[in-house]
């Protein structure tokens, strides 16, 4: 399997380069030259496979010959071994033909564990082969960073640099980030928004000048994040119809990787008939799919903080698909967005996206009502992020016959304090990142790259 950049298809790279990277040299994101296509009967034959065996069937075509079959199977099995639930991602029925896919049974209780656990093992595999070291860099508003720290803490070949908005992380996750104690972990509390943290990371990756270390993104700009999330869709489709039955998904938009993964999963052969993008008050994606206008804006604080952002890296990969892999068109579109903070997709391409994608923006008031009503009617507890998806699924599903699955990306125990105020009692979770030695904490402004470069020079 060969990969190209969304902004330059002239240069091809292999899977190893894609894993050990952040962004392509000209600022684009790596994408496969072509997607594997699975026949419906082949997919149906996977119904009895374990999660790691299914992951191998889905992921191996993207790996090609970069990793031996036995090694890839071992790495996938090890990545899944860190989860608390035997099936890794169980389905829970919440209404007639409505389900929640629980993706929060990993070590840090969020769906980010799937990508982080897989990425850490792939990165270590390739770094050891090369005899190299890497700096793993990313922005977080809580869950992504904690998942990366937990996954990479045993990878001696890497140093982890986590950037987070000091005033934009929920208290529980902030306590976990501040409690991190590991000599290869460096935390940067940024006096700004998550989007500004993401901008810092993008600048670092594009201007990387430390040849002694590989620069690796732990955010969803890294292709491994998309690979891990592809498996979610195959797993759910097989559980609810053996790969033959049409199905819809509702996706709380904590990133766009999940939506993009669902979109290309359908292209790979899954009978996905609808994707609903659920947002909160920060509705940049909702505006895109409703009005074909996407804009960068200051994020507002909500009850679903993982969705408090307006910049979504994987939107670029999605646009690349919509534009028929036209790298020059994508380059021009993204350059315009980076310059003026706004984007309008060509009408034909936008209409193509709307054939499968709907969206809905959920207010905090609606979120609380959905949590309490679902608990009252079923006894099932969901967190605010999942609540946005469940409500959007109920309101905007196109078919009552096709199962509708909401991605449950974050465990409700992470919202135990809020749920307690609603009269829903949950045990408080133990701290998720164990102390392992001294860790560094830096407080910086969004334009302060000097502190970061001083640290990198000292590594």
Protein backbone atom coordinates (compact mmCIF):
# COMPACT_ATOMS: atom_id res chain seq x y z
CA UNK A 1 0.00 0.00 0.00
CA UNK A 2 1.34 3.43 -1.01
CA UNK A 3 0.32 6.78 0.44
CA UNK A 4 0.32 10.34 -0.86
CA UNK A 5 -0.36 13.75 0.62
CA UNK A 6 -3.76 15.39 0.24
CA UNK A 7 -1.85 18.40 -1.13
CA UNK A 8 0.75 16.64 -3.30
CA UNK A 9 0.10 13.28 -4.93
CA UNK A 10 3.40 13.32 -6.84
CA UNK A 11 5.42 11.82 -3.97
CA UNK A 12 4.47 8.39 -2.65
CA UNK A 13 5.48 6.96 0.75
CA UNK A 14 5.02 3.63 2.52
CA UNK A 15 3.12 2.73 5.68
CA UNK A 16 6.20 3.07 7.89
CA UNK A 17 6.63 6.71 6.87
CA UNK A 18 2.95 7.37 7.52
CA UNK A 19 3.15 5.92 11.05
CA UNK A 20 6.33 7.84 11.93
CA UNK A 21 4.95 11.22 10.92
CA UNK A 22 2.66 14.06 11.75
CA UNK A 23 1.88 15.86 8.53
CA UNK A 24 3.35 15.68 5.03
CA UNK A 25 6.12 18.09 4.09
CA UNK A 26 3.83 20.61 2.37
CA UNK A 27 1.34 20.50 5.24
CA UNK A 28 -1.12 17.97 3.88
CA UNK A 29 -2.24 14.71 5.46
CA UNK A 30 -1.29 11.24 4.29
CA UNK A 31 -3.99 9.19 2.56
CA UNK A 32 -3.87 5.80 0.81
CA UNK A 33 -3.68 5.88 -2.98
CA UNK A 34 -6.67 3.57 -3.08
CA UNK A 35 -9.07 2.02 -0.61
CA UNK A 36 -9.47 -1.75 -0.32
CA UNK A 37 -12.89 -2.97 -1.41
CA UNK A 38 -14.44 -5.92 0.41
CA UNK A 39 -17.26 -8.01 -1.04
CA UNK A 40 -20.37 -8.28 1.13
CA UNK A 41 -19.98 -12.03 1.50
CA UNK A 42 -16.36 -11.63 2.63
CA UNK A 43 -17.50 -9.18 5.29
CA UNK A 44 -20.30 -11.54 6.36
CA UNK A 45 -17.75 -14.31 6.84
CA UNK A 46 -16.03 -12.20 9.51
CA UNK A 47 -19.02 -12.31 11.87
CA UNK A 48 -17.47 -14.85 14.23
CA UNK A 49 -14.04 -13.22 14.47
CA UNK A 50 -12.69 -11.71 17.67
CA UNK A 51 -12.07 -7.96 17.67
CA UNK A 52 -8.33 -8.26 17.04
CA UNK A 53 -8.89 -10.80 14.25
CA UNK A 54 -11.43 -8.47 12.64
CA UNK A 55 -8.99 -5.58 13.02
CA UNK A 56 -6.39 -7.59 11.14
CA UNK A 57 -8.78 -8.17 8.21
CA UNK A 58 -9.65 -4.47 8.02
CA UNK A 59 -6.22 -2.96 8.67
CA UNK A 60 -3.81 -5.36 6.92
CA UNK A 61 -4.51 -4.08 3.37
CA UNK A 62 -3.40 -0.61 4.52
CA UNK A 63 -0.17 -2.03 5.97
CA UNK A 64 0.83 -4.14 2.98
CA UNK A 65 4.28 -5.66 3.32
CA UNK A 66 5.53 -3.07 5.81
CA UNK A 67 4.94 -5.47 8.74
CA UNK A 68 5.05 -9.26 8.64
CA UNK A 69 1.66 -10.94 9.11
CA UNK A 70 2.60 -12.60 12.41
CA UNK A 71 3.97 -9.34 13.82
CA UNK A 72 0.91 -7.33 12.84
CA UNK A 73 -1.44 -9.89 14.39
CA UNK A 74 0.62 -9.83 17.59
CA UNK A 75 0.61 -6.03 17.77
CA UNK A 76 -3.16 -5.90 17.27
CA UNK A 77 -3.77 -8.52 19.94
CA UNK A 78 -1.50 -6.67 22.38
CA UNK A 79 -3.30 -3.38 21.70
CA UNK A 80 -6.65 -4.97 22.47
CA UNK A 81 -5.31 -6.66 25.58
CA UNK A 82 -5.48 -3.41 27.56
CA UNK A 83 -9.29 -3.21 27.51
CA UNK A 84 -11.61 -4.11 30.37
CA UNK A 85 -14.43 -5.66 28.33
CA UNK A 86 -14.05 -9.01 26.61
CA UNK A 87 -15.56 -7.76 23.34
CA UNK A 88 -13.64 -4.44 23.60
CA UNK A 89 -16.59 -2.49 22.12
CA UNK A 90 -19.96 -3.90 23.30
CA UNK A 91 -23.31 -2.67 21.99
CA UNK A 92 -26.06 -1.55 24.38
CA UNK A 93 -29.65 -1.15 23.21
CA UNK A 94 -31.25 2.14 24.31
CA UNK A 95 -34.49 2.10 22.30
CA UNK A 96 -36.24 0.24 19.52
CA UNK A 97 -33.50 -0.40 16.96
CA UNK A 98 -31.26 2.22 18.62
CA UNK A 99 -27.90 1.30 20.13
CA UNK A 100 -24.83 2.77 21.79
CA UNK A 101 -21.47 1.32 20.78
CA UNK A 102 -19.45 1.52 23.99
CA UNK A 103 -15.94 2.56 23.01
CA UNK A 104 -14.81 3.52 26.51
CA UNK A 105 -13.58 0.27 28.04
CA UNK A 106 -9.90 1.02 27.48
CA UNK A 107 -7.36 2.04 30.13
CA UNK A 108 -8.30 5.75 30.11
CA UNK A 109 -12.04 5.20 29.50
CA UNK A 110 -12.33 6.93 26.14
CA UNK A 111 -12.42 5.85 22.51
CA UNK A 112 -9.00 7.47 22.06
CA UNK A 113 -7.47 4.35 23.66
CA UNK A 114 -8.09 2.33 20.48
CA UNK A 115 -5.88 4.55 18.34
CA UNK A 116 -3.32 5.27 21.07
CA UNK A 117 -2.73 1.63 22.02
CA UNK A 118 -2.32 0.63 18.37
CA UNK A 119 -0.17 3.62 17.47
CA UNK A 120 2.24 3.11 20.37
CA UNK A 121 2.92 -0.45 19.28
CA UNK A 122 3.33 0.42 15.59
CA UNK A 123 5.64 3.34 16.43
CA UNK A 124 7.78 1.21 18.73
CA UNK A 125 7.97 -1.56 16.13
CA UNK A 126 9.30 0.78 13.43
CA UNK A 127 11.59 2.82 15.71
CA UNK A 128 13.26 -0.33 16.98
CA UNK A 129 13.76 -1.53 13.42
CA UNK A 130 15.43 1.77 12.55
CA UNK A 131 17.32 2.19 15.79
CA UNK A 132 15.74 5.64 16.07
CA UNK A 133 13.95 7.75 18.66
CA UNK A 134 10.78 9.79 18.27
CA UNK A 135 9.00 12.77 19.77
CA UNK A 136 5.25 12.16 19.99
CA UNK A 137 3.40 15.49 19.87
CA UNK A 138 -0.24 16.43 20.12
CA UNK A 139 -2.95 18.74 21.40
CA UNK A 140 -5.64 17.63 23.80
CA UNK A 141 -8.61 18.86 25.78
CA UNK A 142 -8.20 15.86 28.06
CA UNK A 143 -8.87 12.41 26.68
CA UNK A 144 -6.54 12.25 23.66
CA UNK A 145 -3.52 13.32 25.68
CA UNK A 146 -4.23 10.95 28.55
CA UNK A 147 -4.66 8.06 26.12
CA UNK A 148 -1.35 8.90 24.42
CA UNK A 149 0.51 9.16 27.72
CA UNK A 150 -0.88 5.84 28.93
CA UNK A 151 -0.08 4.08 25.64
CA UNK A 152 3.44 5.43 25.15
CA UNK A 153 4.63 5.22 28.77
CA UNK A 154 6.26 1.84 28.08
CA UNK A 155 7.82 2.95 24.78
CA UNK A 156 11.36 3.92 25.76
CA UNK A 157 12.11 5.09 22.24
CA UNK A 158 9.74 8.07 22.55
CA UNK A 159 9.29 11.34 24.39
CA UNK A 160 5.73 12.66 24.67
CA UNK A 161 4.82 16.37 24.45
CA UNK A 162 1.21 17.22 25.31
CA UNK A 163 -0.32 20.67 24.72
CA UNK A 164 -3.62 21.54 26.38
CA UNK A 165 -5.67 24.69 27.08
CA UNK A 166 -5.14 25.44 30.75
CA UNK A 167 -8.66 26.82 31.14
CA UNK A 168 -10.34 24.48 28.67
CA UNK A 169 -9.94 21.00 30.17
CA UNK A 170 -12.62 19.47 32.46
CA UNK A 171 -11.52 19.31 36.09
CA UNK A 172 -11.32 15.51 36.25
CA UNK A 173 -9.16 15.26 33.13
CA UNK A 174 -7.11 18.29 34.23
CA UNK A 175 -6.34 16.58 37.53
CA UNK A 176 -5.24 13.48 35.62
CA UNK A 177 -3.00 15.54 33.32
CA UNK A 178 -1.50 17.39 36.28
CA UNK A 179 -0.97 14.12 38.14
CA UNK A 180 1.13 12.67 35.31
CA UNK A 181 4.58 11.81 36.59
CA UNK A 182 6.83 10.31 33.99
CA UNK A 183 10.35 11.40 32.94
CA UNK A 184 9.56 11.16 29.22
CA UNK A 185 6.35 13.19 29.40
CA UNK A 186 6.32 16.99 29.00
CA UNK A 187 3.09 18.91 29.51
CA UNK A 188 2.42 22.39 28.13
CA UNK A 189 -0.48 24.32 29.69
CA UNK A 190 -1.36 26.88 27.02
CA UNK A 191 -3.03 30.18 27.83
CA UNK A 192 -5.45 29.76 24.95
CA UNK A 193 -7.99 27.49 23.30
CA UNK A 194 -7.72 23.92 22.05
CA UNK A 195 -7.61 25.25 18.49
CA UNK A 196 -4.57 27.36 19.44
CA UNK A 197 -2.93 24.26 20.94
CA UNK A 198 -3.59 22.44 17.68
CA UNK A 199 -2.03 25.34 15.76
CA UNK A 200 1.14 25.07 17.86
CA UNK A 201 1.38 21.35 17.09
CA UNK A 202 0.82 21.90 13.37
CA UNK A 203 3.56 24.55 13.25
CA UNK A 204 6.00 22.27 15.06
CA UNK A 205 5.32 19.35 12.75
CA UNK A 206 5.59 21.43 9.58
CA UNK A 207 8.81 23.16 10.68
CA UNK A 208 10.51 20.17 12.30
CA UNK A 209 14.29 20.59 12.25
CA UNK A 210 15.48 17.93 14.68
CA UNK A 211 16.86 15.25 12.41
CA UNK A 212 17.92 13.07 15.35
CA UNK A 213 14.25 12.43 16.25
CA UNK A 214 11.20 11.42 14.25
CA UNK A 215 8.28 13.85 14.71
CA UNK A 216 5.08 11.87 15.30
CA UNK A 217 1.58 13.24 15.88
CA UNK A 218 -0.69 11.48 18.37
CA UNK A 219 -3.70 13.45 17.12
CA UNK A 220 -6.06 12.22 14.44
CA UNK A 221 -3.91 13.83 11.75
CA UNK A 222 -1.89 10.60 12.02
CA UNK A 223 -3.39 7.96 9.72
CA UNK A 224 -3.27 5.30 12.48
CA UNK A 225 -6.12 7.10 14.23
CA UNK A 226 -8.34 6.62 11.19
CA UNK A 227 -7.33 2.96 10.86
CA UNK A 228 -8.28 2.22 14.45
CA UNK A 229 -11.68 3.84 14.01
CA UNK A 230 -12.46 2.00 10.79
CA UNK A 231 -12.70 -1.17 12.83
CA UNK A 232 -15.49 0.34 15.00
CA UNK A 233 -17.82 0.39 12.03
CA UNK A 234 -17.07 -3.12 10.80
CA UNK A 235 -17.51 -4.43 14.35
CA UNK A 236 -20.92 -2.79 14.83
CA UNK A 237 -22.24 -3.70 11.38
CA UNK A 238 -21.31 -7.34 11.89
CA UNK A 239 -22.95 -7.45 15.33
CA UNK A 240 -26.23 -6.00 14.11
CA UNK A 241 -26.71 -7.63 10.75
CA UNK A 242 -23.82 -9.85 9.82
CA UNK A 243 -22.55 -7.27 7.33
CA UNK A 244 -25.67 -7.52 5.17
CA UNK A 245 -28.16 -5.19 6.84
CA UNK A 246 -28.25 -1.41 6.12
CA UNK A 247 -27.23 0.63 9.16
CA UNK A 248 -26.85 4.23 10.30
CA UNK A 249 -24.43 5.87 12.73
CA UNK A 250 -24.58 8.98 14.88
CA UNK A 251 -21.18 10.44 15.71
CA UNK A 252 -20.55 12.98 18.51
CA UNK A 253 -18.02 15.26 16.84
CA UNK A 254 -15.11 15.19 19.27
CA UNK A 255 -12.99 14.97 16.11
CA UNK A 256 -13.79 14.44 12.45
CA UNK A 257 -11.74 11.23 12.25
CA UNK A 258 -14.74 9.15 13.29
CA UNK A 259 -16.95 10.69 10.61
CA UNK A 260 -14.29 10.32 7.93
CA UNK A 261 -13.66 6.71 8.97
CA UNK A 262 -17.36 5.95 8.63
CA UNK A 263 -17.47 7.61 5.23
CA UNK A 264 -14.61 5.54 3.81
CA UNK A 265 -15.86 2.37 5.55
CA UNK A 266 -18.96 2.72 3.40
CA UNK A 267 -16.75 3.05 0.32
CA UNK A 268 -14.93 -0.12 1.39
CA UNK A 269 -18.14 -2.13 1.30
CA UNK A 270 -20.11 -1.60 4.51
CA UNK A 271 -23.88 -1.04 4.06
CA UNK A 272 -23.83 2.32 5.87
CA UNK A 273 -26.79 4.40 4.69
CA UNK A 274 -26.50 7.42 6.99
CA UNK A 275 -23.96 9.26 9.12
CA UNK A 276 -25.24 11.90 11.55
CA UNK A 277 -22.72 14.46 12.78
CA UNK A 278 -23.79 15.55 16.28
CA UNK A 279 -22.27 18.79 17.58
CA UNK A 280 -22.85 20.95 20.62
CA UNK A 281 -23.02 24.75 20.65
CA UNK A 282 -19.71 24.75 18.78
CA UNK A 283 -21.41 23.88 15.53
CA UNK A 284 -18.82 24.50 12.79
CA UNK A 285 -19.47 21.05 11.30
CA UNK A 286 -23.24 21.47 11.55
CA UNK A 287 -22.97 24.74 9.63
CA UNK A 288 -20.87 23.00 6.99
CA UNK A 289 -23.39 20.24 6.34
CA UNK A 290 -26.46 22.44 6.68
CA UNK A 291 -25.31 25.58 4.85
CA UNK A 292 -22.03 24.62 3.13
CA UNK A 293 -20.12 27.14 5.19
CA UNK A 294 -17.28 26.09 7.48
CA UNK A 295 -15.50 28.66 9.63
CA UNK A 296 -12.93 28.87 12.37
CA UNK A 297 -14.31 30.46 15.54
CA UNK A 298 -13.61 30.86 19.23
CA UNK A 299 -14.90 27.80 21.06
CA UNK A 300 -17.51 28.17 23.79
CA UNK A 301 -17.44 26.05 26.94
CA UNK A 302 -20.18 23.43 27.09
CA UNK A 303 -21.15 20.32 29.03
CA UNK A 304 -19.46 18.22 26.31
CA UNK A 305 -15.96 19.77 26.37
CA UNK A 306 -14.27 17.26 24.06
CA UNK A 307 -16.39 18.84 21.31
CA UNK A 308 -15.46 22.44 22.15
CA UNK A 309 -13.42 23.12 19.01
CA UNK A 310 -13.82 24.34 15.47
CA UNK A 311 -10.74 23.02 13.63
CA UNK A 312 -10.98 19.41 12.44
CA UNK A 313 -7.87 18.00 10.76
CA UNK A 314 -9.57 15.07 9.05
CA UNK A 315 -11.93 17.37 7.22
CA UNK A 316 -9.04 17.74 4.76
CA UNK A 317 -8.98 14.00 4.05
CA UNK A 318 -12.75 14.07 3.60
CA UNK A 319 -12.49 16.95 1.11
CA UNK A 320 -9.80 15.01 -0.76
CA UNK A 321 -12.29 12.18 -1.23
CA UNK A 322 -15.10 14.55 -2.26
CA UNK A 323 -12.86 16.26 -4.82
CA UNK A 324 -11.89 13.01 -6.50
CA UNK A 325 -8.33 13.00 -5.10
CA UNK A 326 -7.55 16.35 -6.75
CA UNK A 327 -4.56 17.46 -4.67
CA UNK A 328 -4.32 20.89 -6.30
CA UNK A 329 -7.95 21.68 -5.55
CA UNK A 330 -7.50 20.56 -1.94
CA UNK A 331 -4.29 22.60 -1.67
CA UNK A 332 -6.08 25.73 -2.84
CA UNK A 333 -9.09 25.13 -0.59
CA UNK A 334 -7.00 24.54 2.53
CA UNK A 335 -4.71 27.49 1.78
CA UNK A 336 -7.79 29.69 1.63
CA UNK A 337 -9.08 28.31 4.93
CA UNK A 338 -5.74 28.80 6.66
CA UNK A 339 -5.64 32.37 5.36
CA UNK A 340 -9.16 33.60 6.10
CA UNK A 341 -10.65 30.93 8.38
CA UNK A 342 -13.55 30.08 6.09
CA UNK A 343 -14.36 27.34 3.59
CA UNK A 344 -17.08 26.65 1.07
CA UNK A 345 -17.05 23.30 -0.74
CA UNK A 346 -17.90 23.07 -4.42
CA UNK A 347 -21.66 22.58 -4.60
CA UNK A 348 -21.52 19.24 -6.44
CA UNK A 349 -19.09 17.85 -3.85
CA UNK A 350 -21.18 19.19 -0.97
CA UNK A 351 -24.31 17.57 -2.36
CA UNK A 352 -22.38 14.31 -2.68
CA UNK A 353 -21.54 14.48 1.03
CA UNK A 354 -25.14 15.29 1.94
CA UNK A 355 -26.33 12.10 0.27
CA UNK A 356 -25.08 10.20 3.31
CA UNK A 357 -24.36 12.82 5.99
CA UNK A 358 -26.81 14.75 8.18
CA UNK A 359 -26.03 16.92 11.20
CA UNK A 360 -27.61 18.45 14.28
CA UNK A 361 -26.43 20.89 16.95
CA UNK A 362 -27.49 19.96 20.50
CA UNK A 363 -27.74 22.54 23.28
CA UNK A 364 -26.63 21.96 26.87
CA UNK A 365 -30.27 22.00 27.96
CA UNK A 366 -31.15 19.28 25.46
CA UNK A 367 -28.09 17.30 26.57
CA UNK A 368 -29.21 17.27 30.21
CA UNK A 369 -32.77 16.32 29.26
CA UNK A 370 -31.52 13.40 27.16
CA UNK A 371 -29.29 12.07 29.96
CA UNK A 372 -32.08 12.23 32.55
CA UNK A 373 -34.85 10.88 30.33
CA UNK A 374 -32.78 7.93 29.12
CA UNK A 375 -31.79 7.08 32.70
CA UNK A 376 -35.39 7.40 33.87
CA UNK A 377 -36.76 5.22 31.08
CA UNK A 378 -34.03 2.56 30.85
CA UNK A 379 -31.66 2.88 33.81
CA UNK A 380 -28.80 3.34 31.34
CA UNK A 381 -26.27 6.10 32.03
CA UNK A 382 -24.58 8.11 29.30
CA UNK A 383 -22.17 11.04 29.39
CA UNK A 384 -22.95 14.44 27.78
CA UNK A 385 -21.01 13.67 24.58
CA UNK A 386 -22.91 10.44 23.98
CA UNK A 387 -26.15 12.26 24.80
CA UNK A 388 -25.66 14.63 21.86
CA UNK A 389 -25.31 11.63 19.55
CA UNK A 390 -28.26 9.71 20.98
CA UNK A 391 -30.58 12.70 20.65
CA UNK A 392 -29.39 13.52 17.13
CA UNK A 393 -29.87 9.87 16.17
CA UNK A 394 -33.46 9.85 17.38
CA UNK A 395 -34.38 13.14 15.71
CA UNK A 396 -32.64 12.74 12.37
CA UNK A 397 -32.50 9.05 11.52
CA UNK A 398 -33.77 8.46 7.99
CA UNK A 399 -35.02 4.93 8.55
CA UNK A 400 -36.77 3.21 11.43
CA UNK A 401 -35.94 -0.16 9.89
CA UNK A 402 -32.16 0.23 9.73
CA UNK A 403 -30.40 0.02 13.13
CA UNK A 404 -29.04 3.35 14.35
CA UNK A 405 -25.83 3.24 16.37
CA UNK A 406 -24.39 6.12 18.40
CA UNK A 407 -20.66 6.04 19.08
CA UNK A 408 -20.26 6.17 22.86
CA UNK A 409 -16.81 7.72 22.97
CA UNK A 410 -16.40 8.65 26.64
CA UNK A 411 -17.30 6.73 29.79
CA UNK A 412 -20.05 8.27 31.95
CA UNK A 413 -17.78 7.92 35.00
CA UNK A 414 -15.77 10.82 33.59
CA UNK A 415 -18.85 12.98 34.14
CA UNK A 416 -19.64 11.55 37.58
CA UNK A 417 -19.81 14.98 39.24
CA UNK A 418 -22.31 16.34 36.70
CA UNK A 419 -24.36 13.15 36.77
CA UNK A 420 -24.45 13.35 40.54
CA UNK A 421 -26.08 16.77 40.27
CA UNK A 422 -28.76 15.11 38.14
CA UNK A 423 -29.38 12.48 40.81
CA UNK A 424 -27.43 9.75 39.01
CA UNK A 425 -24.83 8.23 41.31
CA UNK A 426 -21.70 6.64 39.86
CA UNK A 427 -18.51 5.49 41.61
CA UNK A 428 -15.61 7.84 41.01
CA UNK A 429 -12.90 6.21 38.87
CA UNK A 430 -9.37 5.71 40.06
CA UNK A 431 -6.68 7.95 38.60
CA UNK A 432 -5.82 6.58 35.18
CA UNK A 433 -2.16 7.55 34.69
CA UNK A 434 0.12 6.09 37.32
CA UNK A 435 3.06 8.03 38.73
CA UNK A 436 6.39 6.82 37.37
CA UNK A 437 8.87 9.57 38.12
CA UNK A 438 9.20 13.30 37.61
CA UNK A 439 7.37 15.01 34.75
CA UNK A 440 7.75 18.55 33.49
CA UNK A 441 4.99 21.17 33.31
CA UNK A 442 5.41 24.37 31.30
CA UNK A 443 2.97 27.27 31.12
CA UNK A 444 3.18 29.08 27.79
CA UNK A 445 1.41 31.59 25.57
CA UNK A 446 0.09 30.42 22.15
CA UNK A 447 2.95 32.21 20.34
CA UNK A 448 5.74 31.02 22.67
CA UNK A 449 7.71 28.53 20.62
CA UNK A 450 11.06 29.40 22.26
CA UNK A 451 10.31 27.33 25.36
CA UNK A 452 9.35 24.36 23.19
CA UNK A 453 12.43 24.59 21.00
CA UNK A 454 14.69 24.89 24.06
CA UNK A 455 13.27 21.60 25.33
CA UNK A 456 13.67 19.91 21.95
CA UNK A 457 17.27 21.08 21.70
CA UNK A 458 17.97 19.49 25.08
CA UNK A 459 16.52 16.06 24.23
